[in-house]
Every structure is written in C-alpha cells, then in structure tokens.
Amino acid sequence: MSQRREISEDGRELLFDHGAPYFTVTNPDVLSVVTEWESRGLVAEWKSNFGSFDCFTNKIVNTEHQVLVTIIILFVLHFFLLHLMVLLFVYLHGFILIIS
C-alpha cells in the first residue's frame, strides 16, 4: 500500500492514496493479524470521500455518486462480453455446448 504527495500549480499539497481499495477478512487467524495491524495504525477504515481527477475540467471531483453508475456499467459490459463470446463460439463451431 502506498501513497504519494504532489504540489499543484497553485501550491496546494495533494495526497494520493494508492492502497488497496478494500479487503474483507473471514478467517479468524487472518482477522487477528488485521486487528493487530489496526492497533499499530498500519490499516484503518476509510471514512472520507473518494475523489477522481477530471482531466477535462482539471478539477478533483467527488465520486461517491458515481459508484452505482460504475457498477451498472461494469455489469452491462460483462453481460455484453459474455454474450459476444457465446455468439462467437456458435459462429466458429456451429453449435452451443451445454454443460449440466
């Protein structure tokens, strides 16, 4: 997990966090390690907003409202690609493989 600092053209300090977006723990042994990390300040729950740099407006924008839209777009793209792969398979092989 890493972060970097940069100074913008107007002199403001910018902090970029490139750490893991999230992780979950279900194993009790791993949970004890993560709890120890948390007590040492190595990991923490993110409670601030998420942002994104808009290269067209040259501004950092809040992306909280964009999360659902992104999830929907990714789902539609996944659905489209899956069907495209099936159509390509049928076109190349002339049949649909049914696995039961």
PDB file of N, CA and C in Angstrom:
ATOM      1  N   MET A   1       0.850  -1.161   0.000  1.00  0.00           N
ATOM      2  CA  MET A   1       0.000   0.000   0.000  1.00  0.00           C
ATOM      3  C   MET A   1       0.894   1.222   0.000  1.00  0.00           C
ATOM      4  N   SER A   2       0.550   2.175  -0.835  1.00  0.00           N
ATOM      5  CA  SER A   2       1.430   3.334  -0.917  1.00  0.00           C
ATOM      6  C   SER A   2       0.619   4.602  -1.096  1.00  0.00           C
ATOM      7  N   GLN A   3       1.296   5.686  -0.916  1.00  0.00           N
ATOM      8  CA  GLN A   3       0.710   6.996  -1.159  1.00  0.00           C
ATOM      9  C   GLN A   3       1.800   7.913  -1.674  1.00  0.00           C
ATOM     10  N   ARG A   4       1.372   8.986  -2.313  1.00  0.00           N
ATOM     11  CA  ARG A   4       2.358   9.953  -2.773  1.00  0.00           C
ATOM     12  C   ARG A   4       1.790  11.351  -2.593  1.00  0.00           C
ATOM     13  N   ARG A   5       2.677  12.303  -2.476  1.00  0.00           N
ATOM     14  CA  ARG A   5       2.293  13.707  -2.327  1.00  0.00           C
ATOM     15  C   ARG A   5       2.844  14.482  -3.513  1.00  0.00           C
ATOM     16  N   GLU A   6       2.043  15.413  -3.972  1.00  0.00           N
ATOM     17  CA  GLU A   6       2.486  16.305  -5.040  1.00  0.00           C
ATOM     18  C   GLU A   6       1.989  17.707  -4.727  1.00  0.00           C
ATOM     19  N   ILE A   7       2.666  18.679  -5.289  1.00  0.00           N
ATOM     20  CA  ILE A   7       2.260  20.070  -5.136  1.00  0.00           C
ATOM     21  C   ILE A   7       1.626  20.518  -6.450  1.00  0.00           C
ATOM     22  N   SER A   8       0.404  21.064  -6.356  1.00  0.00           N
ATOM     23  CA  SER A   8      -0.286  21.518  -7.563  1.00  0.00           C
ATOM     24  C   SER A   8       0.314  22.838  -8.040  1.00  0.00           C
ATOM     25  N   GLU A   9      -0.102  23.274  -9.223  1.00  0.00           N
ATOM     26  CA  GLU A   9       0.438  24.515  -9.792  1.00  0.00           C
ATOM     27  C   GLU A   9       0.144  25.723  -8.916  1.00  0.00           C
ATOM     28  N   ASP A  10      -0.977  25.670  -8.173  1.00  0.00           N
ATOM     29  CA  ASP A  10      -1.306  26.806  -7.305  1.00  0.00           C
ATOM     30  C   ASP A  10      -0.720  26.655  -5.898  1.00  0.00           C
ATOM     31  N   GLY A  11       0.156  25.651  -5.700  1.00  0.00           N
ATOM     32  CA  GLY A  11       0.855  25.496  -4.437  1.00  0.00           C
ATOM     33  C   GLY A  11       0.172  24.608  -3.414  1.00  0.00           C
ATOM     34  N   ARG A  12      -1.004  24.080  -3.730  1.00  0.00           N
ATOM     35  CA  ARG A  12      -1.695  23.200  -2.783  1.00  0.00           C
ATOM     36  C   ARG A  12      -1.042  21.824  -2.768  1.00  0.00           C
ATOM     37  N   GLU A  13      -0.970  21.245  -1.570  1.00  0.00           N
ATOM     38  CA  GLU A  13      -0.424  19.897  -1.446  1.00  0.00           C
ATOM     39  C   GLU A  13      -1.534  18.884  -1.724  1.00  0.00           C
ATOM     40  N   LEU A  14      -1.255  17.925  -2.593  1.00  0.00           N
ATOM     41  CA  LEU A  14      -2.210  16.880  -2.934  1.00  0.00           C
ATOM     42  C   LEU A  14      -1.675  15.555  -2.424  1.00  0.00           C
ATOM     43  N   LEU A  15      -2.538  14.737  -1.831  1.00  0.00           N
ATOM     44  CA  LEU A  15      -2.163  13.429  -1.312  1.00  0.00           C
ATOM     45  C   LEU A  15      -2.931  12.372  -2.088  1.00  0.00           C
ATOM     46  N   PHE A  16      -2.216  11.420  -2.670  1.00  0.00           N
ATOM     47  CA  PHE A  16      -2.811  10.333  -3.434  1.00  0.00           C
ATOM     48  C   PHE A  16      -2.565   9.035  -2.680  1.00  0.00           C
ATOM     49  N   ASP A  17      -3.642   8.321  -2.365  1.00  0.00           N
ATOM     50  CA  ASP A  17      -3.553   7.045  -1.662  1.00  0.00           C
ATOM     51  C   ASP A  17      -3.765   5.935  -2.678  1.00  0.00           C
ATOM     52  N   HIS A  18      -2.740   5.132  -2.919  1.00  0.00           N
ATOM     53  CA  HIS A  18      -2.805   4.052  -3.903  1.00  0.00           C
ATOM     54  C   HIS A  18      -2.931   2.696  -3.214  1.00  0.00           C
ATOM     55  N   GLY A  19      -3.470   2.685  -2.019  1.00  0.00           N
ATOM     56  CA  GLY A  19      -3.609   1.441  -1.277  1.00  0.00           C
ATOM     57  C   GLY A  19      -4.716   0.566  -1.825  1.00  0.00           C
ATOM     58  N   ALA A  20      -4.908  -0.564  -1.176  1.00  0.00           N
ATOM     59  CA  ALA A  20      -5.972  -1.481  -1.587  1.00  0.00           C
ATOM     60  C   ALA A  20      -7.311  -0.784  -1.410  1.00  0.00           C
ATOM     61  N   PRO A  21      -8.197  -0.871  -2.419  1.00  0.00           N
ATOM     62  CA  PRO A  21      -9.486  -0.201  -2.288  1.00  0.00           C
ATOM     63  C   PRO A  21     -10.283  -0.745  -1.104  1.00  0.00           C
ATOM     64  N   TYR A  22     -10.197  -2.029  -0.879  1.00  0.00           N
ATOM     65  CA  TYR A  22     -10.812  -2.631   0.294  1.00  0.00           C
ATOM     66  C   TYR A  22     -10.364  -4.085   0.391  1.00  0.00           C
ATOM     67  N   PHE A  23     -10.546  -4.655   1.529  1.00  0.00           N
ATOM     68  CA  PHE A  23     -10.383  -6.098   1.659  1.00  0.00           C
ATOM     69  C   PHE A  23     -11.295  -6.556   2.785  1.00  0.00           C
ATOM     70  N   THR A  24     -11.669  -7.810   2.740  1.00  0.00           N
ATOM     71  CA  THR A  24     -12.508  -8.389   3.782  1.00  0.00           C
ATOM     72  C   THR A  24     -11.773  -9.580   4.380  1.00  0.00           C
ATOM     73  N   VAL A  25     -12.124  -9.885   5.605  1.00  0.00           N
ATOM     74  CA  VAL A  25     -11.467 -10.981   6.309  1.00  0.00           C
ATOM     75  C   VAL A  25     -12.542 -11.910   6.862  1.00  0.00           C
ATOM     76  N   THR A  26     -12.412 -13.201   6.571  1.00  0.00           N
ATOM     77  CA  THR A  26     -13.340 -14.187   7.127  1.00  0.00           C
ATOM     78  C   THR A  26     -12.619 -15.225   7.982  1.00  0.00           C
ATOM     79  N   ASN A  27     -11.337 -15.393   7.774  1.00  0.00           N
ATOM     80  CA  ASN A  27     -10.557 -16.370   8.526  1.00  0.00           C
ATOM     81  C   ASN A  27     -10.162 -15.771   9.877  1.00  0.00           C
ATOM     82  N   PRO A  28     -10.455 -16.454  10.994  1.00  0.00           N
ATOM     83  CA  PRO A  28     -10.122 -15.910  12.322  1.00  0.00           C
ATOM     84  C   PRO A  28      -8.632 -15.631  12.519  1.00  0.00           C
ATOM     85  N   ASP A  29      -7.768 -16.457  11.932  1.00  0.00           N
ATOM     86  CA  ASP A  29      -6.325 -16.229  12.072  1.00  0.00           C
ATOM     87  C   ASP A  29      -5.904 -14.943  11.366  1.00  0.00           C
ATOM     88  N   VAL A  30      -6.454 -14.732  10.173  1.00  0.00           N
ATOM     89  CA  VAL A  30      -6.141 -13.506   9.429  1.00  0.00           C
ATOM     90  C   VAL A  30      -6.743 -12.299  10.139  1.00  0.00           C
ATOM     91  N   LEU A  31      -7.944 -12.461  10.709  1.00  0.00           N
ATOM     92  CA  LEU A  31      -8.584 -11.370  11.442  1.00  0.00           C
ATOM     93  C   LEU A  31      -7.719 -10.908  12.603  1.00  0.00           C
ATOM     94  N   SER A  32      -7.083 -11.838  13.300  1.00  0.00           N
ATOM     95  CA  SER A  32      -6.217 -11.440  14.416  1.00  0.00           C
ATOM     96  C   SER A  32      -5.017 -10.638  13.921  1.00  0.00           C
ATOM     97  N   VAL A  33      -4.488 -10.988  12.753  1.00  0.00           N
ATOM     98  CA  VAL A  33      -3.372 -10.230  12.173  1.00  0.00           C
ATOM     99  C   VAL A  33      -3.836  -8.826  11.795  1.00  0.00           C
ATOM    100  N   VAL A  34      -4.996  -8.730  11.144  1.00  0.00           N
ATOM    101  CA  VAL A  34      -5.512  -7.424  10.722  1.00  0.00           C
ATOM    102  C   VAL A  34      -5.847  -6.564  11.938  1.00  0.00           C
ATOM    103  N   THR A  35      -6.390  -7.166  12.984  1.00  0.00           N
ATOM    104  CA  THR A  35      -6.683  -6.426  14.216  1.00  0.00           C
ATOM    105  C   THR A  35      -5.401  -5.872  14.824  1.00  0.00           C
ATOM    106  N   GLU A  36      -4.339  -6.660  14.774  1.00  0.00           N
ATOM    107  CA  GLU A  36      -3.049  -6.186  15.280  1.00  0.00           C
ATOM    108  C   GLU A  36      -2.520  -5.043  14.413  1.00  0.00           C
ATOM    109  N   TRP A  37      -2.672  -5.169  13.090  1.00  0.00           N
ATOM    110  CA  TRP A  37      -2.273  -4.081  12.185  1.00  0.00           C
ATOM    111  C   TRP A  37      -3.036  -2.806  12.519  1.00  0.00           C
ATOM    112  N   GLU A  38      -4.348  -2.965  12.764  1.00  0.00           N
ATOM    113  CA  GLU A  38      -5.182  -1.802  13.075  1.00  0.00           C
ATOM    114  C   GLU A  38      -4.720  -1.134  14.364  1.00  0.00           C
ATOM    115  N   SER A  39      -4.376  -1.925  15.374  1.00  0.00           N
ATOM    116  CA  SER A  39      -3.913  -1.354  16.645  1.00  0.00           C
ATOM    117  C   SER A  39      -2.588  -0.619  16.483  1.00  0.00           C
ATOM    118  N   ARG A  40      -1.777  -1.039  15.509  1.00  0.00           N
ATOM    119  CA  ARG A  40      -0.492  -0.382  15.246  1.00  0.00           C
ATOM    120  C   ARG A  40      -0.613   0.775  14.265  1.00  0.00           C
ATOM    121  N   GLY A  41      -1.836   0.999  13.739  1.00  0.00           N
ATOM    122  CA  GLY A  41      -2.041   2.105  12.806  1.00  0.00           C
ATOM    123  C   GLY A  41      -1.622   1.804  11.382  1.00  0.00           C
ATOM    124  N   LEU A  42      -1.427   0.526  11.058  1.00  0.00           N
ATOM    125  CA  LEU A  42      -0.995   0.162   9.705  1.00  0.00           C
ATOM    126  C   LEU A  42      -2.157   0.110   8.724  1.00  0.00           C
ATOM    127  N   VAL A  43      -3.350  -0.208   9.207  1.00  0.00           N
ATOM    128  CA  VAL A  43      -4.559  -0.203   8.385  1.00  0.00           C
ATOM    129  C   VAL A  43      -5.649   0.512   9.165  1.00  0.00           C
ATOM    130  N   ALA A  44      -6.606   1.061   8.439  1.00  0.00           N
ATOM    131  CA  ALA A  44      -7.728   1.743   9.084  1.00  0.00           C
ATOM    132  C   ALA A  44      -8.903   1.785   8.126  1.00  0.00           C
ATOM    133  N   GLU A  45     -10.088   1.888   8.704  1.00  0.00           N
ATOM    134  CA  GLU A  45     -11.283   2.037   7.880  1.00  0.00           C
ATOM    135  C   GLU A  45     -11.266   3.420   7.237  1.00  0.00           C
ATOM    136  N   TRP A  46     -11.535   3.472   5.930  1.00  0.00           N
ATOM    137  CA  TRP A  46     -11.572   4.746   5.213  1.00  0.00           C
ATOM    138  C   TRP A  46     -12.919   5.387   5.461  1.00  0.00           C
ATOM    139  N   LYS A  47     -12.937   6.592   6.032  1.00  0.00           N
ATOM    140  CA  LYS A  47     -14.194   7.256   6.370  1.00  0.00           C
ATOM    141  C   LYS A  47     -14.389   8.547   5.590  1.00  0.00           C
ATOM    142  N   SER A  48     -13.468   8.867   4.707  1.00  0.00           N
ATOM    143  CA  SER A  48     -13.581  10.086   3.908  1.00  0.00           C
ATOM    144  C   SER A  48     -14.218   9.771   2.565  1.00  0.00           C
ATOM    145  N   ASN A  49     -14.414  10.809   1.774  1.00  0.00           N
ATOM    146  CA  ASN A  49     -14.962  10.639   0.430  1.00  0.00           C
ATOM    147  C   ASN A  49     -13.894  10.123  -0.518  1.00  0.00           C
ATOM    148  N   PHE A  50     -14.351   9.573  -1.620  1.00  0.00           N
ATOM    149  CA  PHE A  50     -13.455   9.187  -2.697  1.00  0.00           C
ATOM    150  C   PHE A  50     -13.548  10.253  -3.770  1.00  0.00           C
ATOM    151  N   GLY A  51     -12.456  10.505  -4.455  1.00  0.00           N
ATOM    152  CA  GLY A  51     -12.458  11.513  -5.498  1.00  0.00           C
ATOM    153  C   GLY A  51     -11.752  11.022  -6.735  1.00  0.00           C
ATOM    154  N   SER A  52     -11.910  11.787  -7.789  1.00  0.00           N
ATOM    155  CA  SER A  52     -11.304  11.439  -9.067  1.00  0.00           C
ATOM    156  C   SER A  52     -10.896  12.727  -9.763  1.00  0.00           C
ATOM    157  N   PHE A  53      -9.791  12.674 -10.491  1.00  0.00           N
ATOM    158  CA  PHE A  53      -9.342  13.847 -11.234  1.00  0.00           C
ATOM    159  C   PHE A  53      -9.998  13.845 -12.602  1.00  0.00           C
ATOM    160  N   ASP A  54     -10.733  14.917 -12.905  1.00  0.00           N
ATOM    161  CA  ASP A  54     -11.393  15.071 -14.199  1.00  0.00           C
ATOM    162  C   ASP A  54     -10.442  15.822 -15.124  1.00  0.00           C
ATOM    163  N   CYS A  55      -9.890  15.119 -16.118  1.00  0.00           N
ATOM    164  CA  CYS A  55      -8.883  15.734 -16.989  1.00  0.00           C
ATOM    165  C   CYS A  55      -9.484  16.779 -17.924  1.00  0.00           C
ATOM    166  N   PHE A  56     -10.808  16.787 -18.098  1.00  0.00           N
ATOM    167  CA  PHE A  56     -11.430  17.783 -18.973  1.00  0.00           C
ATOM    168  C   PHE A  56     -11.616  19.115 -18.260  1.00  0.00           C
ATOM    169  N   THR A  57     -11.961  19.060 -16.962  1.00  0.00           N
ATOM    170  CA  THR A  57     -12.158  20.298 -16.207  1.00  0.00           C
ATOM    171  C   THR A  57     -10.945  20.654 -15.356  1.00  0.00           C
ATOM    172  N   ASN A  58      -9.965  19.731 -15.275  1.00  0.00           N
ATOM    173  CA  ASN A  58      -8.778  19.909 -14.429  1.00  0.00           C
ATOM    174  C   ASN A  58      -9.142  20.130 -12.964  1.00  0.00           C
ATOM    175  N   LYS A  59     -10.183  19.410 -12.505  1.00  0.00           N
ATOM    176  CA  LYS A  59     -10.616  19.521 -11.116  1.00  0.00           C
ATOM    177  C   LYS A  59     -10.744  18.130 -10.510  1.00  0.00           C
ATOM    178  N   ILE A  60     -10.587  18.074  -9.202  1.00  0.00           N
ATOM    179  CA  ILE A  60     -10.841  16.838  -8.476  1.00  0.00           C
ATOM    180  C   ILE A  60     -12.313  16.840  -8.094  1.00  0.00           C
ATOM    181  N   VAL A  61     -13.015  15.779  -8.462  1.00  0.00           N
ATOM    182  CA  VAL A  61     -14.453  15.707  -8.221  1.00  0.00           C
ATOM    183  C   VAL A  61     -14.760  14.548  -7.281  1.00  0.00           C
ATOM    184  N   ASN A  62     -15.837  14.700  -6.519  1.00  0.00           N
ATOM    185  CA  ASN A  62     -16.300  13.650  -5.622  1.00  0.00           C
ATOM    186  C   ASN A  62     -16.938  12.557  -6.459  1.00  0.00           C
ATOM    187  N   THR A  63     -16.598  11.314  -6.177  1.00  0.00           N
ATOM    188  CA  THR A  63     -17.122  10.214  -6.988  1.00  0.00           C
ATOM    189  C   THR A  63     -18.109   9.342  -6.230  1.00  0.00           C
ATOM    190  N   GLU A  64     -18.552   9.762  -5.051  1.00  0.00           N
ATOM    191  CA  GLU A  64     -19.480   8.932  -4.282  1.00  0.00           C
ATOM    192  C   GLU A  64     -20.728   8.601  -5.091  1.00  0.00           C
ATOM    193  N   HIS A  65     -21.271   9.573  -5.818  1.00  0.00           N
ATOM    194  CA  HIS A  65     -22.497   9.341  -6.585  1.00  0.00           C
ATOM    195  C   HIS A  65     -22.242   8.532  -7.848  1.00  0.00           C
ATOM    196  N   GLN A  66     -20.986   8.380  -8.241  1.00  0.00           N
ATOM    197  CA  GLN A  66     -20.665   7.661  -9.467  1.00  0.00           C
ATOM    198  C   GLN A  66     -20.477   6.164  -9.240  1.00  0.00           C
ATOM    199  N   VAL A  67     -20.446   5.714  -7.996  1.00  0.00           N
ATOM    200  CA  VAL A  67     -20.167   4.308  -7.714  1.00  0.00           C
ATOM    201  C   VAL A  67     -21.239   3.406  -8.297  1.00  0.00           C
ATOM    202  N   LEU A  68     -22.526   3.715  -8.060  1.00  0.00           N
ATOM    203  CA  LEU A  68     -23.608   2.883  -8.574  1.00  0.00           C
ATOM    204  C   LEU A  68     -23.599   2.871 -10.091  1.00  0.00           C
ATOM    205  N   VAL A  69     -23.367   4.021 -10.707  1.00  0.00           N
ATOM    206  CA  VAL A  69     -23.313   4.096 -12.167  1.00  0.00           C
ATOM    207  C   VAL A  69     -22.188   3.215 -12.691  1.00  0.00           C
ATOM    208  N   THR A  70     -21.040   3.254 -12.052  1.00  0.00           N
ATOM    209  CA  THR A  70     -19.911   2.431 -12.472  1.00  0.00           C
ATOM    210  C   THR A  70     -20.236   0.948 -12.353  1.00  0.00           C
ATOM    211  N   ILE A  71     -20.876   0.554 -11.262  1.00  0.00           N
ATOM    212  CA  ILE A  71     -21.246  -0.849 -11.080  1.00  0.00           C
ATOM    213  C   ILE A  71     -22.200  -1.289 -12.179  1.00  0.00           C
ATOM    214  N   ILE A  72     -23.186  -0.459 -12.501  1.00  0.00           N
ATOM    215  CA  ILE A  72     -24.147  -0.797 -13.554  1.00  0.00           C
ATOM    216  C   ILE A  72     -23.442  -0.914 -14.897  1.00  0.00           C
ATOM    217  N   ILE A  73     -22.556   0.020 -15.204  1.00  0.00           N
ATOM    218  CA  ILE A  73     -21.825  -0.018 -16.475  1.00  0.00           C
ATOM    219  C   ILE A  73     -20.977  -1.285 -16.561  1.00  0.00           C
ATOM    220  N   LEU A  74     -20.289  -1.638 -15.487  1.00  0.00           N
ATOM    221  CA  LEU A  74     -19.465  -2.846 -15.492  1.00  0.00           C
ATOM    222  C   LEU A  74     -20.315  -4.101 -15.664  1.00  0.00           C
ATOM    223  N   PHE A  75     -21.495  -4.134 -15.043  1.00  0.00           N
ATOM    224  CA  PHE A  75     -22.383  -5.283 -15.190  1.00  0.00           C
ATOM    225  C   PHE A  75     -22.847  -5.414 -16.634  1.00  0.00           C
ATOM    226  N   VAL A  76     -23.265  -4.302 -17.235  1.00  0.00           N
ATOM    227  CA  VAL A  76     -23.731  -4.327 -18.626  1.00  0.00           C
ATOM    228  C   VAL A  76     -22.597  -4.750 -19.552  1.00  0.00           C
ATOM    229  N   LEU A  77     -21.401  -4.228 -19.328  1.00  0.00           N
ATOM    230  CA  LEU A  77     -20.252  -4.592 -20.150  1.00  0.00           C
ATOM    231  C   LEU A  77     -19.938  -6.082 -20.012  1.00  0.00           C
ATOM    232  N   HIS A  78     -19.966  -6.598 -18.794  1.00  0.00           N
ATOM    233  CA  HIS A  78     -19.723  -8.022 -18.561  1.00  0.00           C
ATOM    234  C   HIS A  78     -20.775  -8.862 -19.286  1.00  0.00           C
ATOM    235  N   PHE A  79     -22.043  -8.478 -19.166  1.00  0.00           N
ATOM    236  CA  PHE A  79     -23.147  -9.194 -19.813  1.00  0.00           C
ATOM    237  C   PHE A  79     -22.960  -9.191 -21.329  1.00  0.00           C
ATOM    238  N   PHE A  80     -22.605  -8.031 -21.887  1.00  0.00           N
ATOM    239  CA  PHE A  80     -22.397  -7.902 -23.328  1.00  0.00           C
ATOM    240  C   PHE A  80     -21.241  -8.791 -23.791  1.00  0.00           C
ATOM    241  N   LEU A  81     -20.118  -8.751 -23.083  1.00  0.00           N
ATOM    242  CA  LEU A  81     -18.951  -9.547 -23.477  1.00  0.00           C
ATOM    243  C   LEU A  81     -19.225 -11.040 -23.368  1.00  0.00           C
ATOM    244  N   LEU A  82     -19.964 -11.450 -22.346  1.00  0.00           N
ATOM    245  CA  LEU A  82     -20.309 -12.857 -22.202  1.00  0.00           C
ATOM    246  C   LEU A  82     -21.140 -13.329 -23.397  1.00  0.00           C
ATOM    247  N   HIS A  83     -22.140 -12.543 -23.785  1.00  0.00           N
ATOM    248  CA  HIS A  83     -22.972 -12.918 -24.923  1.00  0.00           C
ATOM    249  C   HIS A  83     -22.194 -12.863 -26.235  1.00  0.00           C
ATOM    250  N   LEU A  84     -21.282 -11.935 -26.345  1.00  0.00           N
ATOM    251  CA  LEU A  84     -20.446 -11.856 -27.536  1.00  0.00           C
ATOM    252  C   LEU A  84     -19.577 -13.107 -27.664  1.00  0.00           C
ATOM    253  N   MET A  85     -19.049 -13.583 -26.538  1.00  0.00           N
ATOM    254  CA  MET A  85     -18.237 -14.803 -26.563  1.00  0.00           C
ATOM    255  C   MET A  85     -19.077 -16.011 -26.978  1.00  0.00           C
ATOM    256  N   VAL A  86     -20.315 -16.098 -26.488  1.00  0.00           N
ATOM    257  CA  VAL A  86     -21.199 -17.207 -26.870  1.00  0.00           C
ATOM    258  C   VAL A  86     -21.499 -17.150 -28.357  1.00  0.00           C
ATOM    259  N   LEU A  87     -21.828 -15.963 -28.871  1.00  0.00           N
ATOM    260  CA  LEU A  87     -22.116 -15.820 -30.299  1.00  0.00           C
ATOM    261  C   LEU A  87     -20.900 -16.179 -31.150  1.00  0.00           C
ATOM    262  N   LEU A  88     -19.723 -15.778 -30.722  1.00  0.00           N
ATOM    263  CA  LEU A  88     -18.504 -16.098 -31.451  1.00  0.00           C
ATOM    264  C   LEU A  88     -18.258 -17.607 -31.448  1.00  0.00           C
ATOM    265  N   PHE A  89     -18.485 -18.259 -30.316  1.00  0.00           N
ATOM    266  CA  PHE A  89     -18.326 -19.710 -30.230  1.00  0.00           C
ATOM    267  C   PHE A  89     -19.285 -20.411 -31.190  1.00  0.00           C
ATOM    268  N   VAL A  90     -20.562 -19.974 -31.191  1.00  0.00           N
ATOM    269  CA  VAL A  90     -21.560 -20.579 -32.085  1.00  0.00           C
ATOM    270  C   VAL A  90     -21.169 -20.350 -33.537  1.00  0.00           C
ATOM    271  N   TYR A  91     -20.704 -19.147 -33.857  1.00  0.00           N
ATOM    272  CA  TYR A  91     -20.307 -18.826 -35.228  1.00  0.00           C
ATOM    273  C   TYR A  91     -19.137 -19.707 -35.671  1.00  0.00           C
ATOM    274  N   LEU A  92     -18.155 -19.887 -34.801  1.00  0.00           N
ATOM    275  CA  LEU A  92     -16.964 -20.654 -35.164  1.00  0.00           C
ATOM    276  C   LEU A  92     -17.203 -22.164 -35.164  1.00  0.00           C
ATOM    277  N   HIS A  93     -18.042 -22.645 -34.255  1.00  0.00           N
ATOM    278  CA  HIS A  93     -18.212 -24.087 -34.092  1.00  0.00           C
ATOM    279  C   HIS A  93     -19.564 -24.607 -34.576  1.00  0.00           C
ATOM    280  N   GLY A  94     -20.516 -23.740 -34.777  1.00  0.00           N
ATOM    281  CA  GLY A  94     -21.816 -24.134 -35.302  1.00  0.00           C
ATOM    282  C   GLY A  94     -22.736 -24.800 -34.306  1.00  0.00           C
ATOM    283  N   PHE A  95     -22.393 -24.781 -33.018  1.00  0.00           N
ATOM    284  CA  PHE A  95     -23.283 -25.382 -32.020  1.00  0.00           C
ATOM    285  C   PHE A  95     -23.039 -24.726 -30.665  1.00  0.00           C
ATOM    286  N   ILE A  96     -23.967 -24.953 -29.772  1.00  0.00           N
ATOM    287  CA  ILE A  96     -23.844 -24.451 -28.407  1.00  0.00           C
ATOM    288  C   ILE A  96     -23.529 -25.631 -27.501  1.00  0.00           C
ATOM    289  N   LEU A  97     -22.506 -25.509 -26.706  1.00  0.00           N
ATOM    290  CA  LEU A  97     -22.110 -26.546 -25.761  1.00  0.00           C
ATOM    291  C   LEU A  97     -22.931 -26.368 -24.486  1.00  0.00           C
ATOM    292  N   ILE A  98     -23.679 -27.386 -24.112  1.00  0.00           N
ATOM    293  CA  ILE A  98     -24.499 -27.317 -22.906  1.00  0.00           C
ATOM    294  C   ILE A  98     -23.844 -28.193 -21.845  1.00  0.00           C
ATOM    295  N   ILE A  99     -23.535 -27.582 -20.716  1.00  0.00           N
ATOM    296  CA  ILE A  99     -22.903 -28.303 -19.612  1.00  0.00           C
ATOM    297  C   ILE A  99     -23.922 -28.429 -18.491  1.00  0.00           C
ATOM    298  N   SER A 100     -24.163 -29.659 -18.051  1.00  0.00           N
ATOM    299  CA  SER A 100     -25.125 -29.845 -16.958  1.00  0.00           C
ATOM    300  C   SER A 100     -24.487 -30.555 -15.789  1.00  0.00           C
TER     301      SER A 100
END
